[in-house]
Amino acid sequence: MRKVGANYIYLPGFPLVKNGYTVLNGSVVTEVVDTGGVVRELPALEFYGGMLVASELAGKEGSFAAGEPLLPCIDALYETLCAAANGLAILEGADLQTLTGRPGMKIRSLWIKR
């Protein structure tokens, strides 16, 4: 089991979670843990600054405009690209205070799906 956390987690089939972590079995997300917004140190927890999204969104940052709300855009991509998270990507450079896109925002895969 692998545990990966981030400032925000927004994956298909799970609600938005702030400062939580995911539990993976291979590349499949089996659980998203809501810590109540408090980051805790856990053995072997990998933590990333940004928002964890499904790996299918990697490289799709062109789908977001600066100032545009992130969640509706992510939902639209999930509807067309994936029904479940099979691997993770990190959305970096967004405005996490307002959950909106910013110029230079990137979405990169954390690892290749297996």
Protein backbone atom coordinates (compact mmCIF):
# COMPACT_ATOMS: atom_id res chain seq x y z
CA MET A 1 0.00 0.00 0.00
CA ARG A 2 1.22 3.46 -0.93
CA LYS A 3 0.05 6.67 0.77
CA VAL A 4 0.18 9.96 -1.12
CA GLY A 5 -1.06 13.26 0.27
CA ALA A 6 -1.44 16.82 -1.00
CA ASN A 7 -2.91 20.19 -0.14
CA TYR A 8 -6.07 19.13 -1.97
CA ILE A 9 -7.29 15.84 -3.42
CA TYR A 10 -10.01 15.72 -6.08
CA LEU A 11 -10.47 12.32 -7.66
CA PRO A 12 -13.40 10.73 -9.53
CA GLY A 13 -15.80 9.10 -7.10
CA PHE A 14 -14.47 11.00 -4.07
CA PRO A 15 -15.32 14.41 -2.59
CA LEU A 16 -12.81 17.28 -2.47
CA VAL A 17 -10.47 16.79 0.50
CA LYS A 18 -8.10 19.38 1.97
CA ASN A 19 -4.78 18.17 3.44
CA GLY A 20 -5.74 14.51 3.19
CA TYR A 21 -4.09 11.50 1.63
CA THR A 22 -4.85 8.64 -0.71
CA VAL A 23 -4.23 4.95 -0.20
CA LEU A 24 -3.23 3.05 -3.32
CA ASN A 25 -3.07 -0.63 -4.12
CA GLY A 26 -0.73 -0.73 -7.08
CA SER A 27 -1.93 2.23 -9.13
CA VAL A 28 -5.58 2.01 -8.04
CA VAL A 29 -6.84 4.51 -5.46
CA THR A 30 -8.69 2.47 -2.85
CA GLU A 31 -9.33 5.21 -0.31
CA VAL A 32 -9.16 8.97 0.16
CA VAL A 33 -8.62 9.86 3.80
CA ASP A 34 -10.00 13.16 5.08
CA THR A 35 -7.81 14.28 7.98
CA GLY A 36 -10.09 17.18 8.84
CA GLY A 37 -7.68 19.59 7.19
CA VAL A 38 -4.80 18.81 9.55
CA VAL A 39 -1.65 17.39 7.98
CA ARG A 40 -0.20 14.65 10.15
CA GLU A 41 3.07 12.83 9.76
CA LEU A 42 2.54 9.20 8.88
CA PRO A 43 5.17 6.56 8.14
CA ALA A 44 5.92 6.40 4.40
CA LEU A 45 3.48 9.22 3.50
CA GLU A 46 4.52 11.09 0.36
CA PHE A 47 3.22 14.68 0.40
CA TYR A 48 2.98 17.02 -2.61
CA GLY A 49 2.18 20.71 -2.80
CA GLY A 50 -0.83 21.18 -5.06
CA MET A 51 -3.92 19.13 -5.91
CA LEU A 52 -3.92 15.39 -6.58
CA VAL A 53 -6.03 14.48 -9.59
CA ALA A 54 -6.39 11.36 -11.75
CA SER A 55 -3.38 10.60 -13.96
CA GLU A 56 -5.56 10.95 -17.07
CA LEU A 57 -5.43 14.73 -16.55
CA ALA A 58 -1.64 14.89 -16.88
CA GLY A 59 -0.72 17.39 -19.58
CA LYS A 60 -4.29 18.74 -19.86
CA GLU A 61 -3.54 22.12 -18.21
CA GLY A 62 -4.49 23.79 -21.50
CA SER A 63 -8.10 22.93 -20.63
CA PHE A 64 -8.07 25.56 -17.86
CA ALA A 65 -8.12 29.34 -18.25
CA ALA A 66 -6.56 31.75 -15.78
CA GLY A 67 -9.11 32.75 -13.16
CA GLU A 68 -11.47 29.93 -14.12
CA PRO A 69 -12.83 27.73 -11.28
CA LEU A 70 -10.93 24.42 -11.22
CA LEU A 71 -13.55 21.97 -9.97
CA PRO A 72 -16.09 22.33 -12.82
CA CYS A 73 -13.26 22.02 -15.37
CA ILE A 74 -11.89 18.92 -13.66
CA ASP A 75 -15.39 17.41 -13.51
CA ALA A 76 -15.82 17.96 -17.26
CA LEU A 77 -12.49 16.26 -17.98
CA TYR A 78 -13.36 13.34 -15.72
CA GLU A 79 -16.65 12.85 -17.57
CA THR A 80 -14.82 12.45 -20.88
CA LEU A 81 -11.54 10.85 -19.78
CA CYS A 82 -12.05 8.56 -16.80
CA ALA A 83 -14.56 7.11 -14.38
CA ALA A 84 -12.06 6.09 -11.67
CA ALA A 85 -8.59 7.12 -10.59
CA ASN A 86 -5.96 4.72 -11.89
CA GLY A 87 -2.77 6.52 -11.01
CA LEU A 88 -2.22 10.05 -9.79
CA ALA A 89 -1.14 13.39 -11.19
CA ILE A 90 -0.34 16.62 -9.37
CA LEU A 91 -1.85 19.94 -10.42
CA GLU A 92 0.74 22.58 -9.54
CA GLY A 93 0.67 26.36 -9.75
CA ALA A 94 -3.08 26.85 -9.34
CA ASP A 95 -4.49 29.40 -6.93
CA LEU A 96 -5.40 27.04 -4.09
CA GLN A 97 -6.91 29.82 -1.99
CA THR A 98 -9.69 30.36 -4.53
CA LEU A 99 -9.37 27.02 -6.41
CA THR A 100 -8.91 28.78 -9.74
CA GLY A 101 -6.50 28.38 -12.63
CA ARG A 102 -3.40 30.54 -13.06
CA PRO A 103 -0.98 31.12 -15.92
CA GLY A 104 1.82 28.57 -15.88
CA MET A 105 -0.23 25.93 -14.08
CA LYS A 106 0.95 22.36 -14.82
CA ILE A 107 -0.45 18.88 -14.33
CA ARG A 108 2.21 16.19 -14.23
CA SER A 109 1.93 12.47 -13.69
CA LEU A 110 3.41 11.20 -10.45
CA TRP A 111 4.05 7.75 -11.90
CA ILE A 112 3.05 5.61 -14.82
CA LYS A 113 -0.07 3.47 -14.46
CA ARG A 114 0.61 -0.25 -14.03
